[in-house]
Amino acid sequence: MGTSRSKPDAPPAAPLVPPWADQDPAPPPPLPDPLPEDPVPEPEDDDPGPLADDVVDGEEVEEVAEPARFRPFRMALSRFGASNDRADARAALGRWANKSVGGGPAGARRVARAARTGGSALAGLARAGAGEPPEAGQIDIRELAGQPLDVAVAAIVDAFMPAGIIDEVTARLSMEVAVAEALGNAGAFDPAALDAEAVQTATLAFVAELVFTQVAGDAGKALAAIGPVAAAQREADIRSLVKEVVDLVGAPILVAAGAVLSGQRMSALVARTVQVALEEISTW
């Protein structure tokens, strides 16, 4: 955060969610709670059109970013840097979710591309753990059994998150953290270790890192004044807070969903968890 390149404030009439944030067709609409159990017949991957919240009187609504939308967040983050007070950290995150991102729905759309690629990878992990073959056109993660863990993780990330995609760095780093947290310090990759609990751990870790990287990217140089050592500690504290809220609100969603083995449904689940987490943070 302390050394990140500062993002400029939004120019007049700038969209809150930039057009590059979602190159693919829009993600599926939020699924009911609880989600139906796999397997279920799935529709073709057609574009379902704009989400209901984005349509008024038949026309799409383009949300416009507030001028200086990063300033309240960065000012609050600077206060946290000086105080090291958890209340200040929560206030900074609340302002980020409300002003910088524009709330849960906009924040989820902002990372739609990364949520879809990550959801596909997580579904691949779940299928491998269940001993199921991959979805059409996807890597068979079971074939990586016995590979050194870092080699297997790199192969999974490369397969589902090829170079050049939007949010490539965000998605890849988040998935690396997710798989490492799910499998611990295992020396060799074992698909059988990818049980329901491990996949849930990976999913929550992916969402938390996905949210945190957005916070870090928007922070600019807000923590630069306190020096690199203190800034790194504050960054770790912010990451911990984000992980805490994602675990709190996300675990019940994943438990209700049960075993999710399709990329489409897992992507929708990731997007939904991001949105709910941001909505919770918005109350801070």
C-alpha atoms as a PDB file:
ATOM      1  CA  MET A   1       0.000   0.000   0.000  1.00  0.00           C
ATOM      2  CA  GLY A   2       2.650   2.467   1.023  1.00  0.00           C
ATOM      3  CA  THR A   3       4.479   2.169  -2.277  1.00  0.00           C
ATOM      4  CA  SER A   4       1.517   1.551  -4.593  1.00  0.00           C
ATOM      5  CA  ARG A   5       0.997   3.940  -7.454  1.00  0.00           C
ATOM      6  CA  SER A   6      -1.793   6.317  -6.526  1.00  0.00           C
ATOM      7  CA  LYS A   7      -4.946   6.117  -8.619  1.00  0.00           C
ATOM      8  CA  PRO A   8      -6.307   9.456  -9.820  1.00  0.00           C
ATOM      9  CA  ASP A   9      -9.720  10.528  -8.628  1.00  0.00           C
ATOM     10  CA  ALA A  10     -12.623   9.893 -10.944  1.00  0.00           C
ATOM     11  CA  PRO A  11     -13.132  12.516 -13.675  1.00  0.00           C
ATOM     12  CA  PRO A  12     -16.604  13.986 -14.154  1.00  0.00           C
ATOM     13  CA  ALA A  13     -19.143  11.443 -15.442  1.00  0.00           C
ATOM     14  CA  ALA A  14     -16.675   8.537 -15.119  1.00  0.00           C
ATOM     15  CA  PRO A  15     -18.412   5.164 -14.707  1.00  0.00           C
ATOM     16  CA  LEU A  16     -18.126   3.610 -11.257  1.00  0.00           C
ATOM     17  CA  VAL A  17     -17.414   0.207 -12.815  1.00  0.00           C
ATOM     18  CA  PRO A  18     -15.007   0.743 -15.741  1.00  0.00           C
ATOM     19  CA  PRO A  19     -15.918  -0.987 -19.004  1.00  0.00           C
ATOM     20  CA  TRP A  20     -12.760  -3.121 -18.945  1.00  0.00           C
ATOM     21  CA  ALA A  21     -13.751  -4.738 -15.633  1.00  0.00           C
ATOM     22  CA  ASP A  22     -15.933  -7.338 -17.323  1.00  0.00           C
ATOM     23  CA  GLN A  23     -14.777  -8.475 -20.750  1.00  0.00           C
ATOM     24  CA  ASP A  24     -16.886 -11.621 -20.801  1.00  0.00           C
ATOM     25  CA  PRO A  25     -20.689 -11.926 -20.770  1.00  0.00           C
ATOM     26  CA  ALA A  26     -22.199 -10.836 -17.471  1.00  0.00           C
ATOM     27  CA  PRO A  27     -21.998 -13.418 -14.663  1.00  0.00           C
ATOM     28  CA  PRO A  28     -25.105 -15.427 -13.791  1.00  0.00           C
ATOM     29  CA  PRO A  29     -27.554 -13.669 -11.459  1.00  0.00           C
ATOM     30  CA  PRO A  30     -27.222 -14.436  -7.717  1.00  0.00           C
ATOM     31  CA  LEU A  31     -28.367 -17.928  -6.864  1.00  0.00           C
ATOM     32  CA  PRO A  32     -31.026 -18.658  -4.233  1.00  0.00           C
ATOM     33  CA  ASP A  33     -30.032 -19.575  -0.702  1.00  0.00           C
ATOM     34  CA  PRO A  34     -29.515 -22.462  -0.316  1.00  0.00           C
ATOM     35  CA  LEU A  35     -28.147 -23.352  -3.734  1.00  0.00           C
ATOM     36  CA  PRO A  36     -29.441 -26.563  -5.348  1.00  0.00           C
ATOM     37  CA  GLU A  37     -27.182 -29.549  -5.019  1.00  0.00           C
ATOM     38  CA  ASP A  38     -25.057 -30.798  -7.922  1.00  0.00           C
ATOM     39  CA  PRO A  39     -25.669 -32.301 -10.347  1.00  0.00           C
ATOM     40  CA  VAL A  40     -28.368 -30.192 -11.969  1.00  0.00           C
ATOM     41  CA  PRO A  41     -28.995 -29.455 -15.645  1.00  0.00           C
ATOM     42  CA  GLU A  42     -27.485 -26.135 -16.591  1.00  0.00           C
ATOM     43  CA  PRO A  43     -28.561 -23.736 -19.323  1.00  0.00           C
ATOM     44  CA  GLU A  44     -26.294 -22.733 -22.159  1.00  0.00           C
ATOM     45  CA  ASP A  45     -23.773 -20.023 -21.306  1.00  0.00           C
ATOM     46  CA  ASP A  46     -25.846 -17.268 -22.897  1.00  0.00           C
ATOM     47  CA  ASP A  47     -25.555 -13.692 -21.735  1.00  0.00           C
ATOM     48  CA  PRO A  48     -28.478 -13.202 -19.335  1.00  0.00           C
ATOM     49  CA  GLY A  49     -28.376  -9.456 -19.929  1.00  0.00           C
ATOM     50  CA  PRO A  50     -28.061  -6.698 -17.346  1.00  0.00           C
ATOM     51  CA  LEU A  51     -28.779  -7.453 -13.730  1.00  0.00           C
ATOM     52  CA  ALA A  52     -32.180  -6.369 -12.446  1.00  0.00           C
ATOM     53  CA  ASP A  53     -30.686  -3.669 -10.227  1.00  0.00           C
ATOM     54  CA  ASP A  54     -29.080  -2.083 -13.297  1.00  0.00           C
ATOM     55  CA  VAL A  55     -32.327  -1.595 -15.241  1.00  0.00           C
ATOM     56  CA  VAL A  56     -34.873   1.159 -14.725  1.00  0.00           C
ATOM     57  CA  ASP A  57     -37.857   1.465 -17.089  1.00  0.00           C
ATOM     58  CA  GLY A  58     -36.168  -0.884 -19.534  1.00  0.00           C
ATOM     59  CA  GLU A  59     -32.919   1.077 -19.779  1.00  0.00           C
ATOM     60  CA  GLU A  60     -29.525   0.190 -18.330  1.00  0.00           C
ATOM     61  CA  VAL A  61     -28.289   2.575 -15.657  1.00  0.00           C
ATOM     62  CA  GLU A  62     -24.634   3.568 -15.790  1.00  0.00           C
ATOM     63  CA  GLU A  63     -23.438   4.289 -12.272  1.00  0.00           C
ATOM     64  CA  VAL A  64     -21.203   7.355 -12.162  1.00  0.00           C
ATOM     65  CA  ALA A  65     -18.282   7.552  -9.758  1.00  0.00           C
ATOM     66  CA  GLU A  66     -18.266  10.350  -7.198  1.00  0.00           C
ATOM     67  CA  PRO A  67     -15.563  12.976  -7.729  1.00  0.00           C
ATOM     68  CA  ALA A  68     -12.567  12.434  -5.436  1.00  0.00           C
ATOM     69  CA  ARG A  69     -13.955   9.023  -4.510  1.00  0.00           C
ATOM     70  CA  PHE A  70     -10.635   7.735  -3.140  1.00  0.00           C
ATOM     71  CA  ARG A  71      -9.943  10.736  -0.901  1.00  0.00           C
ATOM     72  CA  PRO A  72     -12.130   9.829   2.141  1.00  0.00           C
ATOM     73  CA  PHE A  73     -10.711   6.307   2.170  1.00  0.00           C
ATOM     74  CA  ARG A  74      -7.102   7.457   1.889  1.00  0.00           C
ATOM     75  CA  MET A  75      -7.530  10.077   4.592  1.00  0.00           C
ATOM     76  CA  ALA A  76      -9.013   7.480   6.945  1.00  0.00           C
ATOM     77  CA  LEU A  77      -6.262   5.022   6.025  1.00  0.00           C
ATOM     78  CA  SER A  78      -3.626   7.647   6.827  1.00  0.00           C
ATOM     79  CA  ARG A  79      -5.216   8.080  10.260  1.00  0.00           C
ATOM     80  CA  PHE A  80      -5.024   4.345  10.796  1.00  0.00           C
ATOM     81  CA  GLY A  81      -1.393   4.420   9.762  1.00  0.00           C
ATOM     82  CA  ALA A  82      -0.641   6.944  12.488  1.00  0.00           C
ATOM     83  CA  SER A  83      -2.871   5.495  15.199  1.00  0.00           C
ATOM     84  CA  ASN A  84      -2.694   1.725  14.616  1.00  0.00           C
ATOM     85  CA  ASP A  85      -6.230   1.683  16.024  1.00  0.00           C
ATOM     86  CA  ARG A  86      -8.502  -1.116  14.801  1.00  0.00           C
ATOM     87  CA  ALA A  87     -11.474   1.263  14.820  1.00  0.00           C
ATOM     88  CA  ASP A  88      -9.636   3.518  12.365  1.00  0.00           C
ATOM     89  CA  ALA A  89      -8.884   0.524  10.146  1.00  0.00           C
ATOM     90  CA  ARG A  90     -12.564  -0.429  10.086  1.00  0.00           C
ATOM     91  CA  ALA A  91     -13.546   3.167   9.319  1.00  0.00           C
ATOM     92  CA  ALA A  92     -11.092   3.262   6.419  1.00  0.00           C
ATOM     93  CA  LEU A  93     -12.454   0.043   4.965  1.00  0.00           C
ATOM     94  CA  GLY A  94     -16.024   1.286   5.402  1.00  0.00           C
ATOM     95  CA  ARG A  95     -15.254   4.439   3.448  1.00  0.00           C
ATOM     96  CA  TRP A  96     -13.520   2.395   0.787  1.00  0.00           C
ATOM     97  CA  ALA A  97     -16.512   0.088   0.339  1.00  0.00           C
ATOM     98  CA  ASN A  98     -18.985   2.993   0.283  1.00  0.00           C
ATOM     99  CA  LYS A  99     -17.164   5.750  -1.590  1.00  0.00           C
ATOM    100  CA  SER A 100     -14.296   4.220  -3.556  1.00  0.00           C
ATOM    101  CA  VAL A 101     -16.127   1.088  -4.704  1.00  0.00           C
ATOM    102  CA  GLY A 102     -19.740   2.232  -4.525  1.00  0.00           C
ATOM    103  CA  GLY A 103     -21.163  -0.639  -2.460  1.00  0.00           C
ATOM    104  CA  GLY A 104     -21.499  -4.379  -2.804  1.00  0.00           C
ATOM    105  CA  PRO A 105     -23.106  -4.797  -6.256  1.00  0.00           C
ATOM    106  CA  ALA A 106     -20.707  -2.369  -7.964  1.00  0.00           C
ATOM    107  CA  GLY A 107     -17.736  -3.853  -6.125  1.00  0.00           C
ATOM    108  CA  ALA A 108     -18.644  -7.367  -7.234  1.00  0.00           C
ATOM    109  CA  ARG A 109     -18.975  -6.262 -10.864  1.00  0.00           C
ATOM    110  CA  ARG A 110     -15.613  -4.555 -10.577  1.00  0.00           C
ATOM    111  CA  VAL A 111     -13.927  -7.950 -10.123  1.00  0.00           C
ATOM    112  CA  ALA A 112     -16.299  -9.960 -12.323  1.00  0.00           C
ATOM    113  CA  ARG A 113     -13.581 -11.261 -14.638  1.00  0.00           C
ATOM    114  CA  ALA A 114     -11.361 -12.439 -11.793  1.00  0.00           C
ATOM    115  CA  ALA A 115     -14.365 -13.980 -10.031  1.00  0.00           C
ATOM    116  CA  ARG A 116     -15.201 -16.046 -13.111  1.00  0.00           C
ATOM    117  CA  THR A 117     -11.688 -17.327 -13.720  1.00  0.00           C
ATOM    118  CA  GLY A 118     -11.258 -18.019 -10.015  1.00  0.00           C
ATOM    119  CA  GLY A 119     -14.629 -19.737  -9.809  1.00  0.00           C
ATOM    120  CA  SER A 120     -13.696 -22.034 -12.679  1.00  0.00           C
ATOM    121  CA  ALA A 121     -10.428 -22.942 -10.974  1.00  0.00           C
ATOM    122  CA  LEU A 122     -12.145 -23.588  -7.643  1.00  0.00           C
ATOM    123  CA  ALA A 123     -14.716 -25.803  -9.347  1.00  0.00           C
ATOM    124  CA  GLY A 124     -11.847 -27.688 -10.958  1.00  0.00           C
ATOM    125  CA  LEU A 125     -10.339 -28.266  -7.522  1.00  0.00           C
ATOM    126  CA  ALA A 126     -13.690 -29.502  -6.216  1.00  0.00           C
ATOM    127  CA  ARG A 127     -14.115 -31.911  -9.123  1.00  0.00           C
ATOM    128  CA  ALA A 128     -10.596 -33.268  -8.667  1.00  0.00           C
ATOM    129  CA  GLY A 129     -11.195 -33.779  -4.961  1.00  0.00           C
ATOM    130  CA  ALA A 130     -14.435 -35.636  -5.721  1.00  0.00           C
ATOM    131  CA  GLY A 131     -12.675 -37.839  -8.272  1.00  0.00           C
ATOM    132  CA  GLU A 132     -14.743 -36.360 -11.102  1.00  0.00           C
ATOM    133  CA  PRO A 133     -13.391 -35.628 -14.593  1.00  0.00           C
ATOM    134  CA  PRO A 134     -12.926 -31.967 -15.549  1.00  0.00           C
ATOM    135  CA  GLU A 135     -15.477 -29.870 -17.387  1.00  0.00           C
ATOM    136  CA  ALA A 136     -15.098 -29.785 -21.158  1.00  0.00           C
ATOM    137  CA  GLY A 137     -11.948 -28.012 -22.246  1.00  0.00           C
ATOM    138  CA  GLN A 138     -10.478 -27.747 -18.736  1.00  0.00           C
ATOM    139  CA  ILE A 139      -7.291 -29.218 -17.304  1.00  0.00           C
ATOM    140  CA  ASP A 140      -7.628 -32.511 -15.422  1.00  0.00           C
ATOM    141  CA  ILE A 141      -6.212 -31.471 -12.061  1.00  0.00           C
ATOM    142  CA  ARG A 142      -6.047 -35.116 -10.977  1.00  0.00           C
ATOM    143  CA  GLU A 143      -3.138 -35.626 -13.382  1.00  0.00           C
ATOM    144  CA  LEU A 144      -1.005 -33.272 -11.272  1.00  0.00           C
ATOM    145  CA  ALA A 145      -0.918 -35.773  -8.398  1.00  0.00           C
ATOM    146  CA  GLY A 146       2.577 -36.228  -7.006  1.00  0.00           C
ATOM    147  CA  GLN A 147       3.927 -32.989  -8.456  1.00  0.00           C
ATOM    148  CA  PRO A 148       5.648 -30.583  -6.066  1.00  0.00           C
ATOM    149  CA  LEU A 149       2.943 -28.346  -4.605  1.00  0.00           C
ATOM    150  CA  ASP A 150       4.327 -25.133  -6.109  1.00  0.00           C
ATOM    151  CA  VAL A 151       4.576 -26.750  -9.551  1.00  0.00           C
ATOM    152  CA  ALA A 152       0.993 -28.026  -9.351  1.00  0.00           C
ATOM    153  CA  VAL A 153      -0.344 -24.671  -8.167  1.00  0.00           C
ATOM    154  CA  ALA A 154       1.478 -22.891 -11.006  1.00  0.00           C
ATOM    155  CA  ALA A 155      -0.029 -25.314 -13.532  1.00  0.00           C
ATOM    156  CA  ILE A 156      -3.543 -24.752 -12.163  1.00  0.00           C
ATOM    157  CA  VAL A 157      -3.142 -20.984 -12.203  1.00  0.00           C
ATOM    158  CA  ASP A 158      -1.696 -20.996 -15.730  1.00  0.00           C
ATOM    159  CA  ALA A 159      -4.517 -23.204 -17.004  1.00  0.00           C
ATOM    160  CA  PHE A 160      -7.401 -21.163 -15.619  1.00  0.00           C
ATOM    161  CA  MET A 161      -5.840 -17.681 -15.637  1.00  0.00           C
ATOM    162  CA  PRO A 162      -3.789 -17.286 -18.820  1.00  0.00           C
ATOM    163  CA  ALA A 163      -1.552 -14.289 -19.298  1.00  0.00           C
ATOM    164  CA  GLY A 164      -3.186 -11.207 -20.725  1.00  0.00           C
ATOM    165  CA  ILE A 165      -6.615 -11.418 -19.084  1.00  0.00           C
ATOM    166  CA  ILE A 166      -8.052  -8.445 -17.263  1.00  0.00           C
ATOM    167  CA  ASP A 167      -7.185  -8.574 -13.553  1.00  0.00           C
ATOM    168  CA  GLU A 168      -4.567 -11.234 -14.350  1.00  0.00           C
ATOM    169  CA  VAL A 169      -2.269 -10.324 -11.453  1.00  0.00           C
ATOM    170  CA  THR A 170      -5.134 -10.026  -8.985  1.00  0.00           C
ATOM    171  CA  ALA A 171      -6.649 -13.353  -9.993  1.00  0.00           C
ATOM    172  CA  ARG A 172      -3.371 -15.265 -10.084  1.00  0.00           C
ATOM    173  CA  LEU A 173      -2.077 -14.007  -6.749  1.00  0.00           C
ATOM    174  CA  SER A 174      -5.426 -14.621  -5.099  1.00  0.00           C
ATOM    175  CA  MET A 175      -5.592 -18.196  -6.379  1.00  0.00           C
ATOM    176  CA  GLU A 176      -2.019 -18.938  -5.316  1.00  0.00           C
ATOM    177  CA  VAL A 177      -2.864 -17.794  -1.793  1.00  0.00           C
ATOM    178  CA  ALA A 178      -6.118 -19.773  -1.838  1.00  0.00           C
ATOM    179  CA  VAL A 179      -4.614 -23.121  -2.860  1.00  0.00           C
ATOM    180  CA  ALA A 180      -1.648 -22.726  -0.528  1.00  0.00           C
ATOM    181  CA  GLU A 181      -3.974 -22.030   2.404  1.00  0.00           C
ATOM    182  CA  ALA A 182      -6.225 -24.955   1.543  1.00  0.00           C
ATOM    183  CA  LEU A 183      -3.416 -27.509   1.267  1.00  0.00           C
ATOM    184  CA  GLY A 184      -1.055 -26.151   3.915  1.00  0.00           C
ATOM    185  CA  ASN A 185       2.591 -27.158   3.771  1.00  0.00           C
ATOM    186  CA  ALA A 186       2.153 -30.369   1.815  1.00  0.00           C
ATOM    187  CA  GLY A 187       5.287 -31.268  -0.116  1.00  0.00           C
ATOM    188  CA  ALA A 188       3.494 -32.942  -3.013  1.00  0.00           C
ATOM    189  CA  PHE A 189       0.146 -32.195  -4.580  1.00  0.00           C
ATOM    190  CA  ASP A 190      -2.567 -34.668  -3.574  1.00  0.00           C
ATOM    191  CA  PRO A 191      -5.971 -34.175  -5.262  1.00  0.00           C
ATOM    192  CA  ALA A 192      -7.559 -36.418  -2.632  1.00  0.00           C
ATOM    193  CA  ALA A 193      -6.804 -33.712  -0.050  1.00  0.00           C
ATOM    194  CA  LEU A 194      -9.211 -31.379  -1.845  1.00  0.00           C
ATOM    195  CA  ASP A 195     -12.245 -32.369   0.197  1.00  0.00           C
ATOM    196  CA  ALA A 196     -15.222 -30.079   0.827  1.00  0.00           C
ATOM    197  CA  GLU A 197     -13.495 -28.358   3.745  1.00  0.00           C
ATOM    198  CA  ALA A 198     -10.349 -27.659   1.715  1.00  0.00           C
ATOM    199  CA  VAL A 199     -12.370 -26.238  -1.187  1.00  0.00           C
ATOM    200  CA  GLN A 200     -14.313 -24.022   1.218  1.00  0.00           C
ATOM    201  CA  THR A 201     -11.040 -22.810   2.734  1.00  0.00           C
ATOM    202  CA  ALA A 202      -9.671 -22.074  -0.736  1.00  0.00           C
ATOM    203  CA  THR A 203     -12.839 -20.230  -1.783  1.00  0.00           C
ATOM    204  CA  LEU A 204     -12.865 -17.986   1.279  1.00  0.00           C
ATOM    205  CA  ALA A 205      -9.157 -17.301   0.909  1.00  0.00           C
ATOM    206  CA  PHE A 206      -9.619 -16.434  -2.772  1.00  0.00           C
ATOM    207  CA  VAL A 207     -12.455 -13.996  -2.064  1.00  0.00           C
ATOM    208  CA  ALA A 208     -10.558 -12.368   0.811  1.00  0.00           C
ATOM    209  CA  GLU A 209      -7.449 -11.864  -1.288  1.00  0.00           C
ATOM    210  CA  LEU A 210      -9.528 -10.620  -4.219  1.00  0.00           C
ATOM    211  CA  VAL A 211     -11.093  -7.947  -1.987  1.00  0.00           C
ATOM    212  CA  PHE A 212      -7.817  -7.067  -0.286  1.00  0.00           C
ATOM    213  CA  THR A 213      -5.946  -6.515  -3.553  1.00  0.00           C
ATOM    214  CA  GLN A 214      -8.628  -4.008  -4.557  1.00  0.00           C
ATOM    215  CA  VAL A 215      -8.156  -2.182  -1.245  1.00  0.00           C
ATOM    216  CA  ALA A 216      -4.386  -2.146  -1.702  1.00  0.00           C
ATOM    217  CA  GLY A 217      -4.660  -0.917  -5.271  1.00  0.00           C
ATOM    218  CA  ASP A 218      -6.921   1.980  -4.265  1.00  0.00           C
ATOM    219  CA  ALA A 219      -4.812   2.995  -1.252  1.00  0.00           C
ATOM    220  CA  GLY A 220      -2.104   4.702  -3.265  1.00  0.00           C
ATOM    221  CA  LYS A 221       0.502   6.255  -0.967  1.00  0.00           C
ATOM    222  CA  ALA A 222      -1.752   6.728   2.029  1.00  0.00           C
ATOM    223  CA  LEU A 223       0.646   4.804   4.286  1.00  0.00           C
ATOM    224  CA  ALA A 224       3.900   6.086   2.821  1.00  0.00           C
ATOM    225  CA  ALA A 225       4.511   8.640   5.586  1.00  0.00           C
ATOM    226  CA  ILE A 226       4.903   6.013   8.340  1.00  0.00           C
ATOM    227  CA  GLY A 227       7.749   4.148   6.658  1.00  0.00           C
ATOM    228  CA  PRO A 228       7.957   0.716   5.005  1.00  0.00           C
ATOM    229  CA  VAL A 229       8.099  -1.412   8.160  1.00  0.00           C
ATOM    230  CA  ALA A 230       5.057   0.151   9.813  1.00  0.00           C
ATOM    231  CA  ALA A 231       3.233   0.296   6.475  1.00  0.00           C
ATOM    232  CA  ALA A 232       3.762  -3.439   5.964  1.00  0.00           C
ATOM    233  CA  GLN A 233       2.316  -4.121   9.420  1.00  0.00           C
ATOM    234  CA  ARG A 234      -0.740  -1.932   8.768  1.00  0.00           C
ATOM    235  CA  GLU A 235      -1.204  -3.683   5.431  1.00  0.00           C
ATOM    236  CA  ALA A 236      -1.147  -7.046   7.216  1.00  0.00           C
ATOM    237  CA  ASP A 237      -3.736  -5.737   9.675  1.00  0.00           C
ATOM    238  CA  ILE A 238      -6.019  -4.626   6.838  1.00  0.00           C
ATOM    239  CA  ARG A 239      -5.635  -8.004   5.134  1.00  0.00           C
ATOM    240  CA  SER A 240      -6.519  -9.743   8.403  1.00  0.00           C
ATOM    241  CA  LEU A 241      -9.653  -7.610   8.832  1.00  0.00           C
ATOM    242  CA  VAL A 242     -10.791  -8.384   5.299  1.00  0.00           C
ATOM    243  CA  LYS A 243     -10.207 -12.111   5.833  1.00  0.00           C
ATOM    244  CA  GLU A 244     -12.137 -11.944   9.094  1.00  0.00           C
ATOM    245  CA  VAL A 245     -15.238 -10.447   7.507  1.00  0.00           C
ATOM    246  CA  VAL A 246     -15.102 -12.732   4.462  1.00  0.00           C
ATOM    247  CA  ASP A 247     -14.930 -15.786   6.727  1.00  0.00           C
ATOM    248  CA  LEU A 248     -17.797 -14.450   8.834  1.00  0.00           C
ATOM    249  CA  VAL A 249     -20.248 -13.783   6.018  1.00  0.00           C
ATOM    250  CA  GLY A 250     -18.922 -16.244   3.461  1.00  0.00           C
ATOM    251  CA  ALA A 251     -18.817 -19.481   5.443  1.00  0.00           C
ATOM    252  CA  PRO A 252     -22.635 -19.699   5.845  1.00  0.00           C
ATOM    253  CA  ILE A 253     -23.077 -19.073   2.113  1.00  0.00           C
ATOM    254  CA  LEU A 254     -20.698 -21.874   1.200  1.00  0.00           C
ATOM    255  CA  VAL A 255     -22.150 -24.304   3.727  1.00  0.00           C
ATOM    256  CA  ALA A 256     -25.645 -23.678   2.347  1.00  0.00           C
ATOM    257  CA  ALA A 257     -24.367 -24.160  -1.201  1.00  0.00           C
ATOM    258  CA  GLY A 258     -23.005 -27.631  -0.536  1.00  0.00           C
ATOM    259  CA  ALA A 259     -20.830 -29.331  -3.138  1.00  0.00           C
ATOM    260  CA  VAL A 260     -20.471 -27.077  -6.184  1.00  0.00           C
ATOM    261  CA  LEU A 261     -18.730 -28.765  -9.096  1.00  0.00           C
ATOM    262  CA  SER A 262     -19.520 -26.494 -12.056  1.00  0.00           C
ATOM    263  CA  GLY A 263     -17.505 -23.447 -12.997  1.00  0.00           C
ATOM    264  CA  GLN A 264     -20.582 -21.357 -13.763  1.00  0.00           C
ATOM    265  CA  ARG A 265     -22.174 -21.917 -10.379  1.00  0.00           C
ATOM    266  CA  MET A 266     -18.909 -21.543  -8.464  1.00  0.00           C
ATOM    267  CA  SER A 267     -18.213 -18.243 -10.246  1.00  0.00           C
ATOM    268  CA  ALA A 268     -21.652 -16.985  -9.220  1.00  0.00           C
ATOM    269  CA  LEU A 269     -20.919 -18.102  -5.670  1.00  0.00           C
ATOM    270  CA  VAL A 270     -17.602 -16.214  -5.592  1.00  0.00           C
ATOM    271  CA  ALA A 271     -19.264 -13.043  -6.933  1.00  0.00           C
ATOM    272  CA  ARG A 272     -22.055 -13.349  -4.393  1.00  0.00           C
ATOM    273  CA  THR A 273     -19.581 -13.760  -1.516  1.00  0.00           C
ATOM    274  CA  VAL A 274     -17.642 -10.689  -2.669  1.00  0.00           C
ATOM    275  CA  GLN A 275     -20.858  -8.667  -2.757  1.00  0.00           C
ATOM    276  CA  VAL A 276     -22.034  -9.775   0.690  1.00  0.00           C
ATOM    277  CA  ALA A 277     -18.613  -9.082   2.195  1.00  0.00           C
ATOM    278  CA  LEU A 278     -18.565  -5.571   0.734  1.00  0.00           C
ATOM    279  CA  GLU A 279     -22.087  -4.929   1.978  1.00  0.00           C
ATOM    280  CA  GLU A 280     -20.964  -5.880   5.489  1.00  0.00           C
ATOM    281  CA  ILE A 281     -17.860  -3.686   5.258  1.00  0.00           C
ATOM    282  CA  SER A 282     -20.052  -0.825   4.057  1.00  0.00           C
ATOM    283  CA  THR A 283     -21.722  -0.758   7.479  1.00  0.00           C
ATOM    284  CA  TRP A 284     -18.434   0.040   9.253  1.00  0.00           C
END
